[in-house]
Amino acid sequence: MECLSRNYLETIANRTGYFNLQGKDFGTDLHICKANIIDRGRYERHLMTGRQVHIQLKSVHEHLVRITPKHISYDLEAKNYDDLIDRRNELGSVIPLVLVVFIFPTDQDQWLTLSTEELIIRKRAYWYLPDDNARYTPNSTSQVINIPNSNLIDMDFFSMIFNYFN
């Protein structure tokens, strides 16, 4: 599940001018960077902008989330929730940390379908940031988060999230 989720996000990033900068996992799974294409007449060159967004990725079976008409509820580990709070408050970092929850069908045979015409990865992914007034969880194991249904990841996700932190 994790590999499919990671590749899904990397594919969307690559398709829209972003890329995953490989690095150590200190609470992050992807380090997404923006690259601009510079046309120098004789040739084009990709040039890093220096801007990054880090992604904490959680891959879960659909029976582990609760879906309502307004949001998706997920039990995030307390340590991961507190990491989001720390990064939002820029304690030791200026690179934002965004949680992505990729929801897979419970039946593993439905995760991936291949044909001569299509490659289909099921089911969906959502992004989450804690509210500005959110504090560390008092819980020792997990924190319920509510992800708005509107936070569905699509092809514009990386452009949107980079603009969000502008």
C-alpha atoms as a PDB file:
ATOM      1  CA  MET A   1       0.000   0.000   0.000  1.00  0.00           C
ATOM      2  CA  GLU A   2       2.758   2.427   0.934  1.00  0.00           C
ATOM      3  CA  CYS A   3       4.658   1.923  -2.325  1.00  0.00           C
ATOM      4  CA  LEU A   4       1.513   2.437  -4.422  1.00  0.00           C
ATOM      5  CA  SER A   5       0.631   5.572  -2.430  1.00  0.00           C
ATOM      6  CA  ARG A   6       4.124   7.012  -2.763  1.00  0.00           C
ATOM      7  CA  ASN A   7       4.265   6.299  -6.506  1.00  0.00           C
ATOM      8  CA  TYR A   8       0.801   7.812  -6.982  1.00  0.00           C
ATOM      9  CA  LEU A   9       1.908  11.084  -5.375  1.00  0.00           C
ATOM     10  CA  GLU A  10       5.252  11.106  -7.187  1.00  0.00           C
ATOM     11  CA  THR A  11       3.466  10.595 -10.521  1.00  0.00           C
ATOM     12  CA  ILE A  12       1.135  13.532  -9.881  1.00  0.00           C
ATOM     13  CA  ALA A  13       4.079  15.661  -8.735  1.00  0.00           C
ATOM     14  CA  ASN A  14       6.210  14.795 -11.772  1.00  0.00           C
ATOM     15  CA  ARG A  15       3.338  15.441 -14.161  1.00  0.00           C
ATOM     16  CA  THR A  16       2.878  18.981 -12.805  1.00  0.00           C
ATOM     17  CA  GLY A  17       6.479  20.237 -12.473  1.00  0.00           C
ATOM     18  CA  TYR A  18       7.394  18.955  -9.017  1.00  0.00           C
ATOM     19  CA  PHE A  19       9.629  16.109  -7.923  1.00  0.00           C
ATOM     20  CA  ASN A  20      10.483  14.032  -4.870  1.00  0.00           C
ATOM     21  CA  LEU A  21      13.892  14.833  -3.424  1.00  0.00           C
ATOM     22  CA  GLN A  22      15.072  11.627  -1.772  1.00  0.00           C
ATOM     23  CA  GLY A  23      16.054  11.976   1.851  1.00  0.00           C
ATOM     24  CA  LYS A  24      15.996  10.384   5.270  1.00  0.00           C
ATOM     25  CA  ASP A  25      12.635   9.706   6.867  1.00  0.00           C
ATOM     26  CA  PHE A  26      12.484  11.849   9.997  1.00  0.00           C
ATOM     27  CA  GLY A  27       8.687  11.874  10.127  1.00  0.00           C
ATOM     28  CA  THR A  28       8.341  12.545   6.402  1.00  0.00           C
ATOM     29  CA  ASP A  29       7.855  10.206   3.481  1.00  0.00           C
ATOM     30  CA  LEU A  30       8.219  12.552   0.513  1.00  0.00           C
ATOM     31  CA  HIS A  31      10.169  15.791   0.093  1.00  0.00           C
ATOM     32  CA  ILE A  32       8.416  17.504  -2.806  1.00  0.00           C
ATOM     33  CA  CYS A  33      10.330  20.286  -4.536  1.00  0.00           C
ATOM     34  CA  LYS A  34       9.363  22.741  -7.245  1.00  0.00           C
ATOM     35  CA  ALA A  35      11.465  23.030 -10.377  1.00  0.00           C
ATOM     36  CA  ASN A  36      11.013  25.683 -13.046  1.00  0.00           C
ATOM     37  CA  ILE A  37      11.863  25.120 -16.682  1.00  0.00           C
ATOM     38  CA  ILE A  38      14.263  27.830 -17.786  1.00  0.00           C
ATOM     39  CA  ASP A  39      14.443  28.446 -21.550  1.00  0.00           C
ATOM     40  CA  ARG A  40      17.945  29.674 -22.360  1.00  0.00           C
ATOM     41  CA  GLY A  41      17.424  29.793 -26.095  1.00  0.00           C
ATOM     42  CA  ARG A  42      19.853  27.024 -27.004  1.00  0.00           C
ATOM     43  CA  TYR A  43      18.447  24.625 -24.406  1.00  0.00           C
ATOM     44  CA  GLU A  44      15.972  24.241 -21.592  1.00  0.00           C
ATOM     45  CA  ARG A  45      17.033  23.509 -18.050  1.00  0.00           C
ATOM     46  CA  HIS A  46      15.157  22.498 -14.903  1.00  0.00           C
ATOM     47  CA  LEU A  47      16.146  24.722 -12.009  1.00  0.00           C
ATOM     48  CA  MET A  48      15.103  24.079  -8.412  1.00  0.00           C
ATOM     49  CA  THR A  49      13.266  26.974  -6.810  1.00  0.00           C
ATOM     50  CA  GLY A  50      14.349  26.041  -3.297  1.00  0.00           C
ATOM     51  CA  ARG A  51      10.742  25.638  -2.153  1.00  0.00           C
ATOM     52  CA  GLN A  52       9.661  22.356  -0.582  1.00  0.00           C
ATOM     53  CA  VAL A  53       6.695  20.691   1.039  1.00  0.00           C
ATOM     54  CA  HIS A  54       7.136  17.541   3.072  1.00  0.00           C
ATOM     55  CA  ILE A  55       4.502  14.820   3.022  1.00  0.00           C
ATOM     56  CA  GLN A  56       3.675  12.393   5.817  1.00  0.00           C
ATOM     57  CA  LEU A  57       1.922   9.532   4.064  1.00  0.00           C
ATOM     58  CA  LYS A  58      -0.542   7.121   5.658  1.00  0.00           C
ATOM     59  CA  SER A  59      -1.954   4.237   3.630  1.00  0.00           C
ATOM     60  CA  VAL A  60      -5.057   2.652   5.124  1.00  0.00           C
ATOM     61  CA  HIS A  61      -7.813   0.202   4.286  1.00  0.00           C
ATOM     62  CA  GLU A  62     -11.189   1.865   3.806  1.00  0.00           C
ATOM     63  CA  HIS A  63     -12.690   0.030   6.793  1.00  0.00           C
ATOM     64  CA  LEU A  64     -10.270   1.978   9.062  1.00  0.00           C
ATOM     65  CA  VAL A  65     -11.815   5.357   8.192  1.00  0.00           C
ATOM     66  CA  ARG A  66     -15.278   6.733   8.774  1.00  0.00           C
ATOM     67  CA  ILE A  67     -16.789   8.589   5.833  1.00  0.00           C
ATOM     68  CA  THR A  68     -19.585  11.131   6.300  1.00  0.00           C
ATOM     69  CA  PRO A  69     -21.085  13.561   3.779  1.00  0.00           C
ATOM     70  CA  LYS A  70     -18.736  16.296   5.076  1.00  0.00           C
ATOM     71  CA  HIS A  71     -15.497  14.606   6.099  1.00  0.00           C
ATOM     72  CA  ILE A  72     -13.382  11.522   6.567  1.00  0.00           C
ATOM     73  CA  SER A  73     -12.448  10.616  10.153  1.00  0.00           C
ATOM     74  CA  TYR A  74      -9.152   8.858  10.717  1.00  0.00           C
ATOM     75  CA  ASP A  75      -7.321   7.782  13.882  1.00  0.00           C
ATOM     76  CA  LEU A  76      -3.841   9.224  13.385  1.00  0.00           C
ATOM     77  CA  GLU A  77      -1.055   8.105  15.716  1.00  0.00           C
ATOM     78  CA  ALA A  78      -0.485  10.699  18.456  1.00  0.00           C
ATOM     79  CA  LYS A  79       3.205  11.131  17.591  1.00  0.00           C
ATOM     80  CA  ASN A  80       2.347  11.855  13.930  1.00  0.00           C
ATOM     81  CA  TYR A  81      -0.344  14.333  14.924  1.00  0.00           C
ATOM     82  CA  ASP A  82       2.089  16.162  17.219  1.00  0.00           C
ATOM     83  CA  ASP A  83       4.654  16.246  14.375  1.00  0.00           C
ATOM     84  CA  LEU A  84       2.090  18.129  12.270  1.00  0.00           C
ATOM     85  CA  ILE A  85       1.609  20.628  15.112  1.00  0.00           C
ATOM     86  CA  ASP A  86       5.368  21.109  15.540  1.00  0.00           C
ATOM     87  CA  ARG A  87       5.922  21.681  11.844  1.00  0.00           C
ATOM     88  CA  ARG A  88       2.929  23.994  11.570  1.00  0.00           C
ATOM     89  CA  ASN A  89       4.470  26.063  14.357  1.00  0.00           C
ATOM     90  CA  GLU A  90       7.862  25.899  12.591  1.00  0.00           C
ATOM     91  CA  LEU A  91       9.702  24.456  15.583  1.00  0.00           C
ATOM     92  CA  GLY A  92      13.066  23.895  13.951  1.00  0.00           C
ATOM     93  CA  SER A  93      11.727  23.971  10.405  1.00  0.00           C
ATOM     94  CA  VAL A  94      10.457  26.293   7.733  1.00  0.00           C
ATOM     95  CA  ILE A  95       9.310  23.514   5.433  1.00  0.00           C
ATOM     96  CA  PRO A  96       5.603  22.725   5.842  1.00  0.00           C
ATOM     97  CA  LEU A  97       4.479  19.188   6.659  1.00  0.00           C
ATOM     98  CA  VAL A  98       1.237  17.954   5.076  1.00  0.00           C
ATOM     99  CA  LEU A  99      -0.489  14.704   5.950  1.00  0.00           C
ATOM    100  CA  VAL A 100      -1.800  12.612   3.064  1.00  0.00           C
ATOM    101  CA  VAL A 101      -4.135   9.715   3.830  1.00  0.00           C
ATOM    102  CA  PHE A 102      -4.484   7.270   0.945  1.00  0.00           C
ATOM    103  CA  ILE A 103      -7.556   5.072   1.342  1.00  0.00           C
ATOM    104  CA  PHE A 104      -7.400   1.659  -0.306  1.00  0.00           C
ATOM    105  CA  PRO A 105     -10.201  -0.865  -0.777  1.00  0.00           C
ATOM    106  CA  THR A 106     -10.140  -3.540   1.902  1.00  0.00           C
ATOM    107  CA  ASP A 107      -9.891  -6.212  -0.808  1.00  0.00           C
ATOM    108  CA  GLN A 108      -6.266  -6.148  -1.987  1.00  0.00           C
ATOM    109  CA  ASP A 109      -7.264  -7.476  -5.419  1.00  0.00           C
ATOM    110  CA  GLN A 110      -9.040  -4.150  -6.071  1.00  0.00           C
ATOM    111  CA  TRP A 111      -6.037  -1.901  -5.366  1.00  0.00           C
ATOM    112  CA  LEU A 112      -4.569  -2.081  -8.846  1.00  0.00           C
ATOM    113  CA  THR A 113      -6.059  -2.991 -12.225  1.00  0.00           C
ATOM    114  CA  LEU A 114      -4.104  -3.230 -15.464  1.00  0.00           C
ATOM    115  CA  SER A 115      -5.264  -3.535 -19.040  1.00  0.00           C
ATOM    116  CA  THR A 116      -3.832  -2.668 -22.444  1.00  0.00           C
ATOM    117  CA  GLU A 117      -5.519   0.746 -22.152  1.00  0.00           C
ATOM    118  CA  GLU A 118      -5.409   1.672 -18.464  1.00  0.00           C
ATOM    119  CA  LEU A 119      -3.589   1.548 -15.176  1.00  0.00           C
ATOM    120  CA  ILE A 120      -6.050   2.114 -12.336  1.00  0.00           C
ATOM    121  CA  ILE A 121      -5.066   2.592  -8.697  1.00  0.00           C
ATOM    122  CA  ARG A 122      -8.004   2.556  -6.295  1.00  0.00           C
ATOM    123  CA  LYS A 123      -9.356   4.382  -4.242  1.00  0.00           C
ATOM    124  CA  ARG A 124      -8.616   7.955  -3.177  1.00  0.00           C
ATOM    125  CA  ALA A 125      -6.230  10.230  -1.273  1.00  0.00           C
ATOM    126  CA  TYR A 126      -6.901  13.267   0.915  1.00  0.00           C
ATOM    127  CA  TRP A 127      -4.638  15.922   2.430  1.00  0.00           C
ATOM    128  CA  TYR A 128      -4.816  17.361   5.944  1.00  0.00           C
ATOM    129  CA  LEU A 129      -3.353  20.236   7.915  1.00  0.00           C
ATOM    130  CA  PRO A 130      -4.247  20.943  11.550  1.00  0.00           C
ATOM    131  CA  ASP A 131      -6.089  24.163  12.353  1.00  0.00           C
ATOM    132  CA  ASP A 132      -4.004  27.136  13.475  1.00  0.00           C
ATOM    133  CA  ASN A 133      -5.402  26.801  16.994  1.00  0.00           C
ATOM    134  CA  ALA A 134      -4.760  23.030  17.266  1.00  0.00           C
ATOM    135  CA  ARG A 135      -2.545  21.887  20.133  1.00  0.00           C
ATOM    136  CA  TYR A 136      -0.700  18.673  20.967  1.00  0.00           C
ATOM    137  CA  THR A 137      -3.009  15.770  21.585  1.00  0.00           C
ATOM    138  CA  PRO A 138      -3.445  14.785  25.230  1.00  0.00           C
ATOM    139  CA  ASN A 139      -3.930  11.205  24.019  1.00  0.00           C
ATOM    140  CA  SER A 140      -1.086   8.717  24.264  1.00  0.00           C
ATOM    141  CA  THR A 141      -1.960   6.526  21.272  1.00  0.00           C
ATOM    142  CA  SER A 142      -4.008   8.350  18.626  1.00  0.00           C
ATOM    143  CA  GLN A 143      -5.897  11.495  17.689  1.00  0.00           C
ATOM    144  CA  VAL A 144      -9.052  11.506  15.582  1.00  0.00           C
ATOM    145  CA  ILE A 145      -8.702  13.920  12.680  1.00  0.00           C
ATOM    146  CA  ASN A 146     -11.516  15.038  10.392  1.00  0.00           C
ATOM    147  CA  ILE A 147     -10.431  15.622   6.814  1.00  0.00           C
ATOM    148  CA  PRO A 148     -12.872  17.663   4.713  1.00  0.00           C
ATOM    149  CA  ASN A 149     -14.143  15.774   1.656  1.00  0.00           C
ATOM    150  CA  SER A 150     -13.043  18.788  -0.391  1.00  0.00           C
ATOM    151  CA  ASN A 151      -9.397  17.906   0.397  1.00  0.00           C
ATOM    152  CA  LEU A 152      -9.412  15.188  -2.248  1.00  0.00           C
ATOM    153  CA  ILE A 153      -6.064  15.059  -4.047  1.00  0.00           C
ATOM    154  CA  ASP A 154      -6.228  15.731  -7.767  1.00  0.00           C
ATOM    155  CA  MET A 155      -3.778  16.815 -10.459  1.00  0.00           C
ATOM    156  CA  ASP A 156      -3.726  20.390  -9.083  1.00  0.00           C
ATOM    157  CA  PHE A 157      -2.788  19.322  -5.548  1.00  0.00           C
ATOM    158  CA  PHE A 158       0.884  20.313  -5.580  1.00  0.00           C
ATOM    159  CA  SER A 159       0.275  23.680  -7.236  1.00  0.00           C
ATOM    160  CA  MET A 160      -2.492  24.357  -4.728  1.00  0.00           C
ATOM    161  CA  ILE A 161      -0.470  23.313  -1.677  1.00  0.00           C
ATOM    162  CA  PHE A 162       2.605  25.301  -2.742  1.00  0.00           C
ATOM    163  CA  ASN A 163       0.400  28.375  -3.276  1.00  0.00           C
ATOM    164  CA  TYR A 164      -1.238  27.763   0.127  1.00  0.00           C
ATOM    165  CA  PHE A 165       2.141  28.270   1.810  1.00  0.00           C
ATOM    166  CA  ASN A 166       3.123  31.300  -0.255  1.00  0.00           C
END
